[in-house]
């Protein structure tokens, strides 16, 4: 079954809920940007302690997509993307700004939009 998605104007969209998290890293903006967009780096840090990220795929361009697999601590399956976080890139301005959507696989209730910005 194909999925028909309505384009989202992330600049004018009104958030139903908003959560702002600010964090300072002892790293360059380039390093932080790469941590969010390099598949190898994503597999090392994305999920909480005790969980694993067996694989990540990134097509880093506006309209490109990503998938970040998750493996629960007690999961013994070998499926690469049985459970994952998937999304699309809406804005890519390395290393200053990254706007992307996120949705859990099998979750039809909506999307989360995240903006990673450096100053």
Protein backbone atom coordinates (compact mmCIF):
# COMPACT_ATOMS: atom_id res chain seq x y z
CA UNK A 1 0.00 0.00 0.00
CA UNK A 2 1.49 3.37 -0.99
CA UNK A 3 1.51 6.29 1.38
CA UNK A 4 0.33 9.69 0.16
CA UNK A 5 1.83 12.47 2.22
CA UNK A 6 0.76 16.08 2.17
CA UNK A 7 3.75 18.42 1.91
CA UNK A 8 4.45 20.25 5.15
CA UNK A 9 5.58 23.87 5.24
CA UNK A 10 7.69 23.65 8.38
CA UNK A 11 8.23 27.41 8.36
CA UNK A 12 4.53 28.27 8.77
CA UNK A 13 3.21 25.11 10.46
CA UNK A 14 1.67 25.64 13.87
CA UNK A 15 2.90 23.18 16.47
CA UNK A 16 0.32 21.39 18.58
CA UNK A 17 2.92 21.11 21.33
CA UNK A 18 6.42 22.48 21.54
CA UNK A 19 9.42 21.36 23.56
CA UNK A 20 12.62 23.39 23.45
CA UNK A 21 15.85 21.80 24.63
CA UNK A 22 19.05 23.83 24.66
CA UNK A 23 22.38 22.16 25.15
CA UNK A 24 25.98 23.32 24.91
CA UNK A 25 28.50 20.85 23.52
CA UNK A 26 32.28 21.06 23.77
CA UNK A 27 32.47 20.45 20.04
CA UNK A 28 32.49 22.40 16.81
CA UNK A 29 29.20 23.03 14.98
CA UNK A 30 30.48 20.76 12.21
CA UNK A 31 31.05 17.90 14.67
CA UNK A 32 27.57 18.25 16.17
CA UNK A 33 25.95 18.41 12.72
CA UNK A 34 27.86 15.30 11.64
CA UNK A 35 26.80 13.43 14.78
CA UNK A 36 23.17 13.92 13.68
CA UNK A 37 23.74 13.05 10.01
CA UNK A 38 26.56 10.50 9.72
CA UNK A 39 25.16 6.92 9.80
CA UNK A 40 28.21 5.49 11.57
CA UNK A 41 28.11 8.13 14.31
CA UNK A 42 24.35 7.68 14.76
CA UNK A 43 24.84 3.98 15.52
CA UNK A 44 27.14 4.91 18.42
CA UNK A 45 25.00 7.39 20.34
CA UNK A 46 21.38 7.72 19.20
CA UNK A 47 19.43 5.43 21.59
CA UNK A 48 19.49 5.38 25.41
CA UNK A 49 21.96 3.30 27.39
CA UNK A 50 21.14 -0.41 27.19
CA UNK A 51 19.60 -0.17 23.72
CA UNK A 52 21.53 -0.72 20.50
CA UNK A 53 21.45 0.88 17.07
CA UNK A 54 22.32 -1.94 14.65
CA UNK A 55 22.09 0.26 11.55
CA UNK A 56 21.32 3.72 10.24
CA UNK A 57 20.67 5.02 6.74
CA UNK A 58 20.86 8.69 5.76
CA UNK A 59 20.06 10.45 2.47
CA UNK A 60 21.14 13.93 3.54
CA UNK A 61 19.36 16.32 1.21
CA UNK A 62 16.12 18.28 1.27
CA UNK A 63 13.46 15.64 0.63
CA UNK A 64 15.90 12.87 1.58
CA UNK A 65 15.05 10.40 4.30
CA UNK A 66 16.70 8.60 7.19
CA UNK A 67 16.10 5.43 9.23
CA UNK A 68 17.65 4.70 12.60
CA UNK A 69 17.10 1.14 13.82
CA UNK A 70 16.60 0.31 17.49
CA UNK A 71 17.25 -2.96 19.25
CA UNK A 72 15.76 -3.49 22.70
CA UNK A 73 18.08 -5.00 25.33
CA UNK A 74 16.18 -8.33 25.31
CA UNK A 75 15.66 -8.49 21.51
CA UNK A 76 17.44 -11.39 19.82
CA UNK A 77 16.10 -10.85 16.28
CA UNK A 78 18.35 -10.05 13.33
CA UNK A 79 15.95 -7.78 11.42
CA UNK A 80 17.78 -4.57 10.49
CA UNK A 81 14.85 -2.17 10.55
CA UNK A 82 12.12 -4.13 12.34
CA UNK A 83 11.83 -1.21 14.77
CA UNK A 84 13.11 2.18 13.73
CA UNK A 85 12.76 5.92 13.77
CA UNK A 86 12.17 7.25 10.27
CA UNK A 87 12.03 10.77 8.97
CA UNK A 88 12.54 13.26 6.19
CA UNK A 89 14.86 16.26 5.85
CA UNK A 90 13.19 19.62 5.22
CA UNK A 91 16.17 21.94 5.59
CA UNK A 92 19.89 21.13 5.39
CA UNK A 93 22.36 23.96 5.98
CA UNK A 94 25.58 22.36 7.25
CA UNK A 95 26.66 23.09 9.99
CA UNK A 96 24.12 25.73 11.02
CA UNK A 97 20.66 24.21 10.72
CA UNK A 98 18.97 20.85 10.20
CA UNK A 99 15.17 20.51 10.11
CA UNK A 100 13.78 16.99 10.02
CA UNK A 101 10.65 15.03 10.80
CA UNK A 102 10.61 11.92 12.96
CA UNK A 103 8.07 9.14 13.27
CA UNK A 104 8.25 5.73 14.87
CA UNK A 105 7.67 2.83 12.52
CA UNK A 106 4.08 1.51 12.83
CA UNK A 107 2.96 4.75 14.49
CA UNK A 108 0.28 6.45 12.40
CA UNK A 109 -0.53 9.17 14.95
CA UNK A 110 1.64 11.95 13.63
CA UNK A 111 5.10 13.36 13.25
CA UNK A 112 7.59 15.18 15.39
CA UNK A 113 9.59 17.95 13.75
CA UNK A 114 13.05 18.64 15.12
CA UNK A 115 15.39 21.52 14.41
CA UNK A 116 19.08 21.23 15.21
CA UNK A 117 20.69 24.66 15.16
CA UNK A 118 24.15 25.91 16.04
CA UNK A 119 25.24 29.39 16.97
